[in-house]
Amino acid sequence: MKRLLSGLFRLIPTSALRLGIFLANAKFNQGAVAVITNDEGHVLLLRHVFRKSYPWGFPSGFVNVGENAAAAALRELKEETGLQAMVIHVGATALVAPRHLETVVYGHVRVVTPIKLSHEIFEARWVVPDQVSHDVVQGLRPDQLALLLAAADPES
């Protein structure tokens, strides 16, 4: 029976097998979130143009094919602000919305150059994590607010 099934399986064109595998598996978007600090311990937050419910957040975006989360986070930081950072470490990956995974990447900017906002960003602020204004707190997604509050406690 195994030989018969194996022989039949081998008759199926590779493209049909790949399509079947694709259709049978769950699909997810993969994003990267950059939690970026400077030498003063401030954290970078951005007010995004295309986010209605929660306009404030960290530099972030989708991971491109062939790209890892760290590279995506650094690319998004550069695209959105013109800043360059170094990765300190890659944190956890979590499901933050149906079919949307995000990986947190922690980074540091040694030399803070003037920020050049992209068309996707209204405003950028370097904030002290435990002293953020009410308007920013209200505009942060709950998972990103938790990341910001955790940044205030170096032991976390």
Protein backbone atom coordinates (compact mmCIF):
# COMPACT_ATOMS: atom_id res chain seq x y z
CA MET A 1 0.00 0.00 0.00
CA LYS A 2 2.87 2.37 0.85
CA ARG A 3 4.48 1.74 -2.52
CA LEU A 4 1.23 2.39 -4.35
CA LEU A 5 0.60 5.67 -2.49
CA SER A 6 4.23 6.70 -2.93
CA GLY A 7 4.05 6.00 -6.67
CA LEU A 8 0.83 7.97 -7.04
CA PHE A 9 2.28 10.82 -5.01
CA ARG A 10 5.30 11.02 -7.31
CA LEU A 11 3.00 11.41 -10.32
CA ILE A 12 1.62 14.69 -8.98
CA PRO A 13 3.46 17.68 -10.51
CA THR A 14 5.64 19.62 -8.05
CA SER A 15 3.71 22.83 -8.71
CA ALA A 16 0.44 21.10 -7.73
CA LEU A 17 2.06 19.75 -4.56
CA ARG A 18 3.31 23.20 -3.60
CA LEU A 19 -0.10 24.71 -4.25
CA GLY A 20 -1.75 22.03 -2.12
CA ILE A 21 0.70 22.61 0.72
CA PHE A 22 0.16 26.36 0.46
CA LEU A 23 -3.63 26.03 0.55
CA ALA A 24 -3.58 23.52 3.41
CA ASN A 25 -1.46 25.64 5.76
CA ALA A 26 -2.26 28.74 7.79
CA LYS A 27 -1.14 32.10 6.40
CA PHE A 28 0.37 34.80 8.60
CA ASN A 29 1.80 38.26 8.15
CA GLN A 30 5.15 38.68 9.88
CA GLY A 31 6.04 42.08 11.31
CA ALA A 32 9.00 43.50 13.20
CA VAL A 33 8.78 46.11 15.95
CA ALA A 34 11.87 48.16 16.83
CA VAL A 35 12.19 49.26 20.46
CA ILE A 36 14.99 51.78 20.06
CA THR A 37 16.78 53.58 22.91
CA ASN A 38 19.36 56.37 22.95
CA ASP A 39 22.25 57.07 25.35
CA GLU A 40 19.91 59.00 27.70
CA GLY A 41 17.62 55.98 28.09
CA HIS A 42 14.82 57.54 26.05
CA VAL A 43 12.72 55.37 23.77
CA LEU A 44 11.64 56.37 20.26
CA LEU A 45 7.91 56.53 19.55
CA LEU A 46 6.27 57.55 16.27
CA ARG A 47 2.81 58.84 15.39
CA HIS A 48 1.89 56.92 12.23
CA VAL A 49 -0.22 58.30 9.38
CA PHE A 50 -2.01 55.07 8.44
CA ARG A 51 -3.00 53.84 11.91
CA LYS A 52 -6.44 55.04 12.96
CA SER A 53 -7.16 53.33 16.28
CA TYR A 54 -3.65 53.43 17.72
CA PRO A 55 -1.57 56.07 15.91
CA TRP A 56 1.39 55.97 18.32
CA GLY A 57 3.86 53.13 18.32
CA PHE A 58 7.36 51.95 17.71
CA PRO A 59 9.01 51.92 14.29
CA SER A 60 7.64 48.80 12.68
CA GLY A 61 6.61 47.10 9.49
CA PHE A 62 6.38 43.85 7.59
CA VAL A 63 9.26 41.43 7.21
CA ASN A 64 10.09 41.01 3.52
CA VAL A 65 10.72 37.63 1.90
CA GLY A 66 14.28 36.53 2.65
CA GLU A 67 14.65 39.05 5.49
CA ASN A 68 14.89 38.32 9.21
CA ALA A 69 13.12 40.34 11.92
CA ALA A 70 16.26 42.22 12.98
CA ALA A 71 17.01 43.35 9.43
CA ALA A 72 13.37 44.34 8.92
CA ALA A 73 13.31 46.40 12.13
CA LEU A 74 16.47 48.28 11.16
CA ARG A 75 15.15 48.83 7.63
CA GLU A 76 11.84 50.18 8.93
CA LEU A 77 13.64 52.48 11.39
CA LYS A 78 15.75 53.90 8.58
CA GLU A 79 12.78 54.23 6.19
CA GLU A 80 10.54 55.94 8.75
CA THR A 81 13.09 58.19 10.52
CA GLY A 82 16.42 58.12 8.68
CA LEU A 83 18.07 56.81 11.86
CA GLN A 84 20.50 53.91 12.01
CA ALA A 85 20.74 51.66 15.05
CA MET A 86 22.48 48.54 16.20
CA VAL A 87 20.54 45.51 17.35
CA ILE A 88 20.94 44.65 21.02
CA HIS A 89 18.83 41.50 20.90
CA VAL A 90 15.79 39.96 19.27
CA GLY A 91 12.91 39.40 21.66
CA ALA A 92 9.79 37.32 21.52
CA THR A 93 7.44 36.74 18.61
CA ALA A 94 3.75 37.01 19.47
CA LEU A 95 0.39 36.83 17.75
CA VAL A 96 -0.89 40.42 18.09
CA ALA A 97 -3.91 40.17 15.81
CA PRO A 98 -5.56 37.37 13.87
CA ARG A 99 -2.94 36.04 11.44
CA HIS A 100 -0.40 38.74 12.39
CA LEU A 101 2.82 37.80 14.17
CA GLU A 102 5.26 40.44 15.41
CA THR A 103 8.82 40.01 16.58
CA VAL A 104 10.24 42.60 18.97
CA VAL A 105 13.74 43.77 18.15
CA TYR A 106 15.61 45.84 20.72
CA GLY A 107 18.12 48.32 19.38
CA HIS A 108 20.21 51.32 20.33
CA VAL A 109 21.11 54.56 18.58
CA ARG A 110 24.47 55.93 19.70
CA VAL A 111 24.51 59.06 17.56
CA VAL A 112 21.11 60.65 17.30
CA THR A 113 21.04 62.55 14.02
CA PRO A 114 18.11 64.79 13.09
CA ILE A 115 15.07 62.67 12.34
CA LYS A 116 13.78 62.77 8.76
CA LEU A 117 10.13 61.75 8.86
CA SER A 118 8.84 59.65 6.00
CA HIS A 119 5.40 60.10 4.42
CA GLU A 120 4.16 57.38 6.85
CA ILE A 121 4.98 59.36 10.02
CA PHE A 122 3.39 62.52 11.44
CA GLU A 123 5.65 62.94 14.46
CA ALA A 124 8.55 61.37 16.36
CA ARG A 125 9.29 61.69 20.07
CA TRP A 126 12.07 60.44 22.30
CA VAL A 127 10.26 59.64 25.55
CA VAL A 128 11.15 58.63 29.09
CA PRO A 129 9.25 55.32 29.31
CA ASP A 130 7.53 55.96 32.64
CA GLN A 131 6.80 59.65 31.93
CA VAL A 132 4.86 59.50 28.67
CA SER A 133 2.08 62.02 28.06
CA HIS A 134 -1.54 60.88 28.27
CA ASP A 135 -2.22 61.43 24.54
CA VAL A 136 0.62 59.08 23.62
CA VAL A 137 -0.43 56.41 26.15
CA GLN A 138 -4.00 56.51 24.80
CA GLY A 139 -2.68 56.16 21.25
CA LEU A 140 -0.55 53.05 21.88
CA ARG A 141 -1.74 49.53 21.16
CA PRO A 142 -1.93 47.60 24.47
CA ASP A 143 0.91 45.24 23.50
CA GLN A 144 3.15 48.19 22.59
CA LEU A 145 2.24 50.03 25.79
CA ALA A 146 3.40 46.94 27.69
CA LEU A 147 6.71 47.02 25.77
CA LEU A 148 7.16 50.71 26.62
CA LEU A 149 6.43 50.16 30.31
CA ALA A 150 8.84 47.22 30.34
CA ALA A 151 11.52 49.52 28.88
CA ALA A 152 11.16 51.68 32.03
CA ASP A 153 12.26 48.74 34.16
CA PRO A 154 15.73 47.53 33.13
CA GLU A 155 15.27 44.39 35.27
CA SER A 156 12.34 43.17 33.13
